[in-house]
PDB file of N, CA and C in Angstrom:
ATOM      1  N   MET A   1     -34.683  16.556 226.545  1.00  0.00           N
ATOM      2  CA  MET A   1     -34.828  16.148 225.172  1.00  0.00           C
ATOM      3  C   MET A   1     -34.386  17.294 224.272  1.00  0.00           C
ATOM      4  N   ILE A   2     -33.580  16.965 223.279  1.00  0.00           N
ATOM      5  CA  ILE A   2     -33.218  17.921 222.240  1.00  0.00           C
ATOM      6  C   ILE A   2     -33.917  17.481 220.964  1.00  0.00           C
ATOM      7  N   VAL A   3     -34.637  18.415 220.346  1.00  0.00           N
ATOM      8  CA  VAL A   3     -35.392  18.125 219.139  1.00  0.00           C
ATOM      9  C   VAL A   3     -34.764  18.895 217.983  1.00  0.00           C
ATOM     10  N   PHE A   4     -34.348  18.175 216.956  1.00  0.00           N
ATOM     11  CA  PHE A   4     -33.760  18.795 215.773  1.00  0.00           C
ATOM     12  C   PHE A   4     -34.818  19.022 214.707  1.00  0.00           C
ATOM     13  N   ASP A   5     -34.633  20.075 213.942  1.00  0.00           N
ATOM     14  CA  ASP A   5     -35.479  20.382 212.808  1.00  0.00           C
ATOM     15  C   ASP A   5     -35.386  19.253 211.781  1.00  0.00           C
ATOM     16  N   GLU A   6     -36.445  19.044 211.027  1.00  0.00           N
ATOM     17  CA  GLU A   6     -36.455  17.955 210.040  1.00  0.00           C
ATOM     18  C   GLU A   6     -35.474  18.174 208.896  1.00  0.00           C
ATOM     19  N   ASN A   7     -34.979  19.384 208.722  1.00  0.00           N
ATOM     20  CA  ASN A   7     -34.025  19.660 207.650  1.00  0.00           C
ATOM     21  C   ASN A   7     -32.595  19.251 207.990  1.00  0.00           C
ATOM     22  N   ILE A   8     -32.357  18.823 209.193  1.00  0.00           N
ATOM     23  CA  ILE A   8     -31.033  18.325 209.553  1.00  0.00           C
ATOM     24  C   ILE A   8     -31.023  16.837 209.229  1.00  0.00           C
ATOM     25  N   HIS A   9     -30.429  16.530 208.085  1.00  0.00           N
ATOM     26  CA  HIS A   9     -30.452  15.154 207.587  1.00  0.00           C
ATOM     27  C   HIS A   9     -29.208  14.369 207.991  1.00  0.00           C
ATOM     28  N   GLN A  10     -28.290  15.019 208.679  1.00  0.00           N
ATOM     29  CA  GLN A  10     -27.066  14.331 209.067  1.00  0.00           C
ATOM     30  C   GLN A  10     -27.273  13.611 210.390  1.00  0.00           C
ATOM     31  N   ARG A  11     -27.526  12.346 210.315  1.00  0.00           N
ATOM     32  CA  ARG A  11     -27.714  11.558 211.535  1.00  0.00           C
ATOM     33  C   ARG A  11     -26.451  11.611 212.387  1.00  0.00           C
ATOM     34  N   SER A  12     -25.292  11.782 211.731  1.00  0.00           N
ATOM     35  CA  SER A  12     -24.037  11.846 212.477  1.00  0.00           C
ATOM     36  C   SER A  12     -24.022  13.029 213.438  1.00  0.00           C
ATOM     37  N   LEU A  13     -24.654  14.136 213.069  1.00  0.00           N
ATOM     38  CA  LEU A  13     -24.734  15.293 213.954  1.00  0.00           C
ATOM     39  C   LEU A  13     -25.600  14.976 215.173  1.00  0.00           C
ATOM     40  N   MET A  14     -26.733  14.351 214.943  1.00  0.00           N
ATOM     41  CA  MET A  14     -27.604  13.980 216.059  1.00  0.00           C
ATOM     42  C   MET A  14     -26.919  12.953 216.958  1.00  0.00           C
ATOM     43  N   ASP A  15     -26.187  12.015 216.346  1.00  0.00           N
ATOM     44  CA  ASP A  15     -25.460  11.012 217.129  1.00  0.00           C
ATOM     45  C   ASP A  15     -24.353  11.655 217.968  1.00  0.00           C
ATOM     46  N   ALA A  16     -23.686  12.667 217.400  1.00  0.00           N
ATOM     47  CA  ALA A  16     -22.624  13.362 218.142  1.00  0.00           C
ATOM     48  C   ALA A  16     -23.205  14.084 219.358  1.00  0.00           C
ATOM     49  N   VAL A  17     -24.356  14.715 219.189  1.00  0.00           N
ATOM     50  CA  VAL A  17     -25.006  15.393 220.314  1.00  0.00           C
ATOM     51  C   VAL A  17     -25.434  14.368 221.355  1.00  0.00           C
ATOM     52  N   ALA A  18     -25.962  13.241 220.903  1.00  0.00           N
ATOM     53  CA  ALA A  18     -26.432  12.202 221.822  1.00  0.00           C
ATOM     54  C   ALA A  18     -25.304  11.624 222.673  1.00  0.00           C
ATOM     55  N   LYS A  19     -24.070  11.706 222.180  1.00  0.00           N
ATOM     56  CA  LYS A  19     -22.939  11.184 222.956  1.00  0.00           C
ATOM     57  C   LYS A  19     -22.695  11.986 224.231  1.00  0.00           C
ATOM     58  N   TRP A  20     -22.926  13.310 224.175  1.00  0.00           N
ATOM     59  CA  TRP A  20     -22.661  14.120 225.366  1.00  0.00           C
ATOM     60  C   TRP A  20     -23.923  14.556 226.091  1.00  0.00           C
ATOM     61  N   TYR A  21     -25.071  14.487 225.427  1.00  0.00           N
ATOM     62  CA  TYR A  21     -26.320  14.908 226.067  1.00  0.00           C
ATOM     63  C   TYR A  21     -26.975  13.703 226.735  1.00  0.00           C
ATOM     64  N   PRO A  22     -27.288  13.787 228.018  1.00  0.00           N
ATOM     65  CA  PRO A  22     -27.816  12.621 228.721  1.00  0.00           C
ATOM     66  C   PRO A  22     -29.271  12.282 228.397  1.00  0.00           C
ATOM     67  N   GLY A  23     -29.991  13.231 227.815  1.00  0.00           N
ATOM     68  CA  GLY A  23     -31.399  12.983 227.492  1.00  0.00           C
ATOM     69  C   GLY A  23     -31.573  12.424 226.094  1.00  0.00           C
ATOM     70  N   ARG A  24     -32.802  12.451 225.645  1.00  0.00           N
ATOM     71  CA  ARG A  24     -33.165  11.932 224.333  1.00  0.00           C
ATOM     72  C   ARG A  24     -32.871  12.965 223.252  1.00  0.00           C
ATOM     73  N   VAL A  25     -32.400  12.532 222.088  1.00  0.00           N
ATOM     74  CA  VAL A  25     -32.128  13.395 220.939  1.00  0.00           C
ATOM     75  C   VAL A  25     -32.950  12.844 219.774  1.00  0.00           C
ATOM     76  N   VAL A  26     -33.898  13.653 219.266  1.00  0.00           N
ATOM     77  CA  VAL A  26     -34.803  13.183 218.215  1.00  0.00           C
ATOM     78  C   VAL A  26     -34.995  14.244 217.140  1.00  0.00           C
ATOM     79  N   SER A  27     -35.552  13.827 216.026  1.00  0.00           N
ATOM     80  CA  SER A  27     -35.986  14.748 214.975  1.00  0.00           C
ATOM     81  C   SER A  27     -37.424  15.157 215.291  1.00  0.00           C
ATOM     82  N   ILE A  28     -37.794  16.353 214.892  1.00  0.00           N
ATOM     83  CA  ILE A  28     -39.168  16.829 215.128  1.00  0.00           C
ATOM     84  C   ILE A  28     -40.186  15.869 214.519  1.00  0.00           C
ATOM     85  N   THR A  29     -39.815  15.200 213.428  1.00  0.00           N
ATOM     86  CA  THR A  29     -40.742  14.278 212.775  1.00  0.00           C
ATOM     87  C   THR A  29     -41.056  13.048 213.633  1.00  0.00           C
ATOM     88  N   GLU A  30     -40.202  12.743 214.598  1.00  0.00           N
ATOM     89  CA  GLU A  30     -40.472  11.613 215.498  1.00  0.00           C
ATOM     90  C   GLU A  30     -41.557  11.939 216.513  1.00  0.00           C
ATOM     91  N   LEU A  31     -41.818  13.226 216.728  1.00  0.00           N
ATOM     92  CA  LEU A  31     -42.827  13.618 217.707  1.00  0.00           C
ATOM     93  C   LEU A  31     -44.243  13.503 217.147  1.00  0.00           C
ATOM     94  N   ARG A  32     -44.358  13.601 215.832  1.00  0.00           N
ATOM     95  CA  ARG A  32     -45.662  13.428 215.181  1.00  0.00           C
ATOM     96  C   ARG A  32     -45.441  12.729 213.843  1.00  0.00           C
ATOM     97  N   PRO A  33     -45.208  11.421 213.883  1.00  0.00           N
ATOM     98  CA  PRO A  33     -44.882  10.678 212.658  1.00  0.00           C
ATOM     99  C   PRO A  33     -46.034  10.666 211.650  1.00  0.00           C
ATOM    100  N   HIS A  34     -45.668  10.485 210.394  1.00  0.00           N
ATOM    101  CA  HIS A  34     -46.622  10.344 209.290  1.00  0.00           C
ATOM    102  C   HIS A  34     -47.506  11.576 209.108  1.00  0.00           C
ATOM    103  N   SER A  35     -46.962  12.761 209.411  1.00  0.00           N
ATOM    104  CA  SER A  35     -47.723  13.986 209.196  1.00  0.00           C
ATOM    105  C   SER A  35     -46.774  15.106 208.792  1.00  0.00           C
ATOM    106  N   ILE A  36     -47.333  16.109 208.163  1.00  0.00           N
ATOM    107  CA  ILE A  36     -46.557  17.288 207.791  1.00  0.00           C
ATOM    108  C   ILE A  36     -46.617  18.266 208.956  1.00  0.00           C
ATOM    109  N   ILE A  37     -45.456  18.718 209.389  1.00  0.00           N
ATOM    110  CA  ILE A  37     -45.392  19.659 210.510  1.00  0.00           C
ATOM    111  C   ILE A  37     -44.960  21.004 209.942  1.00  0.00           C
ATOM    112  N   LYS A  38     -45.866  21.944 209.900  1.00  0.00           N
ATOM    113  CA  LYS A  38     -45.560  23.287 209.407  1.00  0.00           C
ATOM    114  C   LYS A  38     -44.797  24.047 210.490  1.00  0.00           C
ATOM    115  N   ASP A  39     -43.956  24.994 210.049  1.00  0.00           N
ATOM    116  CA  ASP A  39     -43.143  25.767 210.999  1.00  0.00           C
ATOM    117  C   ASP A  39     -43.982  26.419 212.089  1.00  0.00           C
ATOM    118  N   GLU A  40     -45.135  26.955 211.724  1.00  0.00           N
ATOM    119  CA  GLU A  40     -45.964  27.634 212.724  1.00  0.00           C
ATOM    120  C   GLU A  40     -46.582  26.671 213.740  1.00  0.00           C
ATOM    121  N   GLY A  41     -46.577  25.375 213.454  1.00  0.00           N
ATOM    122  CA  GLY A  41     -47.108  24.395 214.390  1.00  0.00           C
ATOM    123  C   GLY A  41     -46.085  23.839 215.362  1.00  0.00           C
ATOM    124  N   ILE A  42     -44.815  24.130 215.112  1.00  0.00           N
ATOM    125  CA  ILE A  42     -43.756  23.570 215.961  1.00  0.00           C
ATOM    126  C   ILE A  42     -43.837  24.048 217.415  1.00  0.00           C
ATOM    127  N   PRO A  43     -44.036  25.336 217.682  1.00  0.00           N
ATOM    128  CA  PRO A  43     -44.113  25.740 219.103  1.00  0.00           C
ATOM    129  C   PRO A  43     -45.201  25.002 219.883  1.00  0.00           C
ATOM    130  N   ALA A  44     -46.372  24.845 219.295  1.00  0.00           N
ATOM    131  CA  ALA A  44     -47.457  24.141 219.995  1.00  0.00           C
ATOM    132  C   ALA A  44     -47.085  22.682 220.228  1.00  0.00           C
ATOM    133  N   LEU A  45     -46.436  22.057 219.243  1.00  0.00           N
ATOM    134  CA  LEU A  45     -46.013  20.662 219.397  1.00  0.00           C
ATOM    135  C   LEU A  45     -44.983  20.531 220.511  1.00  0.00           C
ATOM    136  N   LEU A  46     -44.019  21.444 220.547  1.00  0.00           N
ATOM    137  CA  LEU A  46     -42.987  21.384 221.585  1.00  0.00           C
ATOM    138  C   LEU A  46     -43.544  21.659 222.979  1.00  0.00           C
ATOM    139  N   HIS A  47     -44.573  22.483 223.076  1.00  0.00           N
ATOM    140  CA  HIS A  47     -45.181  22.745 224.384  1.00  0.00           C
ATOM    141  C   HIS A  47     -45.825  21.502 224.970  1.00  0.00           C
ATOM    142  N   ARG A  48     -46.184  20.550 224.115  1.00  0.00           N
ATOM    143  CA  ARG A  48     -46.798  19.302 224.588  1.00  0.00           C
ATOM    144  C   ARG A  48     -45.766  18.269 225.008  1.00  0.00           C
ATOM    145  N   VAL A  49     -44.495  18.511 224.674  1.00  0.00           N
ATOM    146  CA  VAL A  49     -43.434  17.565 225.006  1.00  0.00           C
ATOM    147  C   VAL A  49     -42.624  18.131 226.166  1.00  0.00           C
ATOM    148  N   ARG A  50     -42.599  17.431 227.252  1.00  0.00           N
ATOM    149  CA  ARG A  50     -41.910  17.911 228.455  1.00  0.00           C
ATOM    150  C   ARG A  50     -40.405  18.018 228.222  1.00  0.00           C
ATOM    151  N   GLY A  51     -39.855  19.204 228.436  1.00  0.00           N
ATOM    152  CA  GLY A  51     -38.425  19.422 228.371  1.00  0.00           C
ATOM    153  C   GLY A  51     -37.826  19.477 226.978  1.00  0.00           C
ATOM    154  N   ALA A  52     -38.633  19.672 225.945  1.00  0.00           N
ATOM    155  CA  ALA A  52     -38.117  19.676 224.575  1.00  0.00           C
ATOM    156  C   ALA A  52     -37.477  21.018 224.226  1.00  0.00           C
ATOM    157  N   THR A  53     -36.431  20.961 223.398  1.00  0.00           N
ATOM    158  CA  THR A  53     -35.747  22.141 222.892  1.00  0.00           C
ATOM    159  C   THR A  53     -35.529  21.944 221.403  1.00  0.00           C
ATOM    160  N   LEU A  54     -35.765  22.974 220.606  1.00  0.00           N
ATOM    161  CA  LEU A  54     -35.606  22.875 219.166  1.00  0.00           C
ATOM    162  C   LEU A  54     -34.320  23.557 218.729  1.00  0.00           C
ATOM    163  N   SER A  55     -33.594  22.913 217.825  1.00  0.00           N
ATOM    164  CA  SER A  55     -32.361  23.480 217.267  1.00  0.00           C
ATOM    165  C   SER A  55     -32.448  23.400 215.761  1.00  0.00           C
ATOM    166  N   TRP A  56     -32.084  24.489 215.082  1.00  0.00           N
ATOM    167  CA  TRP A  56     -32.044  24.468 213.622  1.00  0.00           C
ATOM    168  C   TRP A  56     -30.907  25.313 213.127  1.00  0.00           C
ATOM    169  N   PRO A  57     -30.425  25.012 211.901  1.00  0.00           N
ATOM    170  CA  PRO A  57     -29.279  25.767 211.370  1.00  0.00           C
ATOM    171  C   PRO A  57     -29.682  27.184 211.001  1.00  0.00           C
ATOM    172  N   ASP A  58     -28.720  28.098 211.047  1.00  0.00           N
ATOM    173  CA  ASP A  58     -28.993  29.486 210.656  1.00  0.00           C
ATOM    174  C   ASP A  58     -28.994  29.639 209.165  1.00  0.00           C
TER     175      ASP A  58
END
């Protein structure tokens, strides 16, 4: 699973990654819907998701 930061609003980028990546490609907000996810909470959230990786722009 590849997890994108919520600030990546270009669905086309996620769709492009999904074309070559065999696993699931999601936004971090899909892992905990209807809640605010603070930056410091992301590592703990990702540790609960098997095989998740976070990507964000520099």
